[in-house]
Amino acid sequence: MGTLQVQRHNYRTAGPQGRRVLLHVPTTSVFELDRVSRDLLTFFEQREAVSADELRSRFDGGFAPGEVCDALDDLLALGVVAPGRKIYDRAPLQVKNAPINTLVLTLTTGCNLGCSYCYREDLETPKAARVMERETALAAIDLLFRQAAGQQRVGIVFFGGEPLTRFAALREWTAYAERKASEAGKQVDFSLTTNATLLTGEMIDFFGAHRFGIAVSIDGAEMEHDRRRITIGGKGTYKLVAANVKRLLDARLPRPVAARVTLTRGCTDVTQTYRHLHDELGFTEVGFAPVTAGSDSPMVLDAAQMRLVLDGMKALGRDYVLEAKRSRPHGFSNMNHMMLDLWRGTRKMLPCGAGLGLLAAGTDGTLSLCHRFTGTDFGAFGDVSNGVDLEKLGQFIGSAQAAHAACGECPARGVCAGGCYHEAYVRSGDPLVPTLAHCDFVREWLQFGLDCFGEISAANPDFFNSRNMEQRSQR
């Protein structure tokens, strides 16, 4: 057979030597290695190349010959070992019929807050705002149901500005979408992101009756929140938001209410923020994301602060592992998403579903890659009246895959695929430039997640059974 070499760029392992799990990087599949596979892989890792004679000398008498051959065949099939350098080429995705199943409706460009870090380029006060008219909204919903003709489930995301400044329109268009879903024999899911300052009892009842998924933008305890999330007049909003959140959570809606935290320079205490939002205010889930801003922004996190964030996320991740071993849920959504990706074998060809499964309609009905691109100069991919511009969208998706070929041997490529388009756009003016500033962060977070996955699998394998994980994915 000549000699074989280990292909370290195609896998990562985690867990104790007696129970290792292997992440197959090209497919993002996770395998638990049996004893012969563990010993065989360790043998390859200790040498530059391995010959047939060396394999026989090492393993004869230790395992049945058939066991060694089967294990070797598995490692060869995965490209974990190979006669020469093994690189996986993935066939590029083709955009042919734009099977969009999720549409973001930008109800308004207006917001009643003046958050210091908002990424929107077209944000205005409620009085000066541009709004989505009824005719545009209904055409957008019609377009969604046409594009999702072959799918049983569709999603509508209400966005802004602050979407609750247009609650009457939101309520009407929810009813319209439900009628369309009933006629088409589909299920429609609704969600929105809100600053929670305008929440009323009527709204909360409505969201419960129509099974809305709700994410509240909140940045921690009072002092941290009020540093950034302020009214147009410059006043803090924490007390109002916390009171409304309490009413929202007390209503026990059918779907969990999540907190979304934006991390900015000087606001990096992930563990303390989590404990306040989850343990004290009572959010079911809390997720964290660094601010989207140019590298010269006073808001952006520098390397030292990103280190603090990652260390804090790891501390929360270890809490997650302890709870998982006891079969108890934990509300750290970044960790839960990582476990779901590893369990499912998520294999991203592109950073997210923007343009593939999801588009966003601006107030004028133009279609953007996602809600972050509405109101920017980047350009549109059709409109709700004339449909999706498949040629332009296909060109973008093709270019994105070629651009992110630079990530070809990164161990995190299957769960990152180059990073957020909008983050790249804000930093460089080009959405197709990989966000290299975050690469080390993403790789270290992935390795930590794999270590945790292996530890949980060894201590409580039932945690990853289908029923448990599907329930988590629907939250």
Foldseek 3Di string as FASTA:
>chain_A
DAKKAFAVLQWDWADDLQWIWIQGLQQLEIGIDHPLLSVVLVVRVVDGIDDPVNVCVVCPPVDPPVVNVVSVVVCVVSRRMDNDHDFDDDDADFQDQQLAQEEEEAAKLAAQWDFPQDLFPSHDHPVPIQGADPVLLLLQLVQNCVSNLPPQEGEYEYEYNARVVPVVSVLVSLVVSVVVNVVSNHYYAYEYEHCQLPDDPVVLVSCQVRVYAYEHEAAADQVRRLVGTGGPVNGRCRVSNLVSLLVNVVVVGPDFYEYEHEQWVPRQQLQRRCCCVCVPSNGQAYEYDYGQAAPPDNTGDDPVSLVSNLVNVLVLVVVQLVCLLVVHHDRHVVLLVLLLCSLVSQFDLAQDCQLPNYWYQESVFFIHSYPSCPNHPPDGQGGSVPHGNSVVSRVVSVLLNVLLCVCRSPSCCRNGSQHALSSCCNHPVGSSHRPVVCRVVSSVVNSSSSNSSSSSCVSPVVCSDPVNSVVSVVD
